[in-house]
Protein backbone atom coordinates (compact mmCIF):
# COMPACT_ATOMS: atom_id res chain seq x y z
CA MET A 1 4.94 -6.78 -8.87
CA LYS A 2 3.11 -4.14 -6.85
CA LYS A 3 0.58 -6.24 -4.89
CA THR A 4 -2.16 -4.47 -3.00
CA ILE A 5 -4.83 -5.85 -0.66
CA ILE A 6 -8.36 -4.47 -0.97
CA THR A 7 -11.04 -5.35 1.58
CA VAL A 8 -14.73 -4.52 1.29
CA VAL A 9 -17.13 -4.94 4.22
CA GLY A 10 -20.75 -3.90 4.68
CA THR A 11 -24.39 -4.82 4.32
CA ASP A 12 -24.97 -6.91 1.20
CA LYS A 13 -26.64 -5.24 -1.77
CA VAL A 14 -26.65 -5.52 -5.54
CA GLY A 15 -23.65 -4.09 -7.41
CA ILE A 16 -20.86 -4.04 -4.83
CA ILE A 17 -18.54 -6.32 -6.79
CA ALA A 18 -19.43 -4.62 -10.07
CA LYS A 19 -18.60 -1.12 -8.77
CA VAL A 20 -15.25 -2.17 -7.33
CA CYS A 21 -14.25 -4.30 -10.33
CA ASN A 22 -15.26 -1.60 -12.83
CA TYR A 23 -13.05 0.91 -11.00
CA LEU A 24 -10.13 -1.54 -11.04
CA ALA A 25 -10.53 -2.28 -14.76
CA GLU A 26 -10.79 1.41 -15.66
CA ASN A 27 -7.51 2.03 -13.81
CA GLN A 28 -5.54 -0.92 -15.21
CA ILE A 29 -5.48 -2.74 -11.86
CA ASN A 30 -5.47 -6.52 -12.32
CA ILE A 31 -7.27 -8.85 -9.89
CA LEU A 32 -4.94 -11.70 -8.92
CA ASP A 33 -7.16 -13.37 -6.34
CA ILE A 34 -10.59 -12.71 -4.88
CA SER A 35 -12.60 -14.17 -2.02
CA GLN A 36 -16.14 -13.10 -1.19
CA THR A 37 -18.63 -14.27 1.39
CA ILE A 38 -22.02 -13.22 2.67
CA VAL A 39 -22.91 -14.11 6.25
CA GLN A 40 -26.41 -13.27 7.48
CA GLY A 41 -26.68 -10.33 5.10
CA TYR A 42 -23.16 -8.97 5.69
CA PHE A 43 -20.86 -8.78 2.68
CA ASN A 44 -17.12 -9.41 3.02
CA MET A 45 -14.65 -9.41 0.14
CA MET A 46 -10.87 -9.58 0.02
CA MET A 47 -8.93 -9.01 -3.17
CA ILE A 48 -5.26 -9.25 -4.01
CA VAL A 49 -4.52 -7.02 -6.98
CA ASN A 50 -1.54 -5.99 -9.07
CA ALA A 51 -1.42 -2.18 -9.27
CA GLU A 52 1.78 -2.08 -11.31
CA GLU A 53 0.17 -0.85 -14.53
CA THR A 54 -1.91 1.97 -13.06
CA ALA A 55 -0.77 5.58 -13.31
CA LYS A 56 -2.26 6.31 -9.87
CA ASP A 57 -0.45 6.02 -6.56
CA LEU A 58 -1.81 4.02 -3.63
CA ALA A 59 -3.15 7.14 -1.88
CA ALA A 60 -5.25 8.12 -4.91
CA ILE A 61 -6.57 4.58 -5.36
CA SER A 62 -7.47 4.41 -1.67
CA LYS A 63 -9.24 7.78 -1.73
CA GLU A 64 -11.25 6.96 -4.86
CA LEU A 65 -12.26 3.50 -3.64
CA ASN A 66 -13.20 5.02 -0.29
CA GLN A 67 -15.53 7.42 -2.15
CA ILE A 68 -17.08 4.52 -4.05
CA GLY A 69 -17.56 2.72 -0.73
CA GLU A 70 -19.36 5.72 0.74
CA GLU A 71 -21.64 5.89 -2.32
CA ILE A 72 -22.69 2.24 -2.00
CA GLY A 73 -22.63 2.01 1.79
CA VAL A 74 -19.60 -0.23 2.41
CA LEU A 75 -16.16 0.24 3.91
CA ILE A 76 -13.31 -0.23 1.42
CA ARG A 77 -9.73 -0.41 2.69
CA VAL A 78 -6.63 -0.45 0.50
CA GLN A 79 -3.24 -1.54 1.82
CA HIS A 80 0.11 -2.36 0.28
CA GLU A 81 0.85 -6.08 0.66
CA ASP A 82 3.86 -5.49 2.94
CA ILE A 83 1.85 -3.38 5.38
CA PHE A 84 -1.02 -5.88 5.36
CA ASN A 85 1.38 -8.75 6.12
CA LYS A 86 3.08 -6.88 8.96
CA MET A 87 -0.27 -5.90 10.52
CA HIS A 88 -1.55 -9.50 10.44
CA ARG A 89 1.63 -11.15 11.62
CA ILE A 90 1.38 -13.27 14.74
């Protein structure tokens, strides 16, 4: 399985989850787990997805989600699971 970690951070507004999830569905990327919180108006979401079925590589997914993030005013980061784990290792 090709697990990927997607994080979304920014000021809360209507449609953030919808925009990201629509992109994932259109590109055959399955959401395995999702956590979302709002703290004093700041939106934070972390998703673990399976990108095995998509025809796009990680760089293309990252670029396109980054563009969506710019459109809606949030920061979207995409990382392969292995890189995410190594970066957050204590």
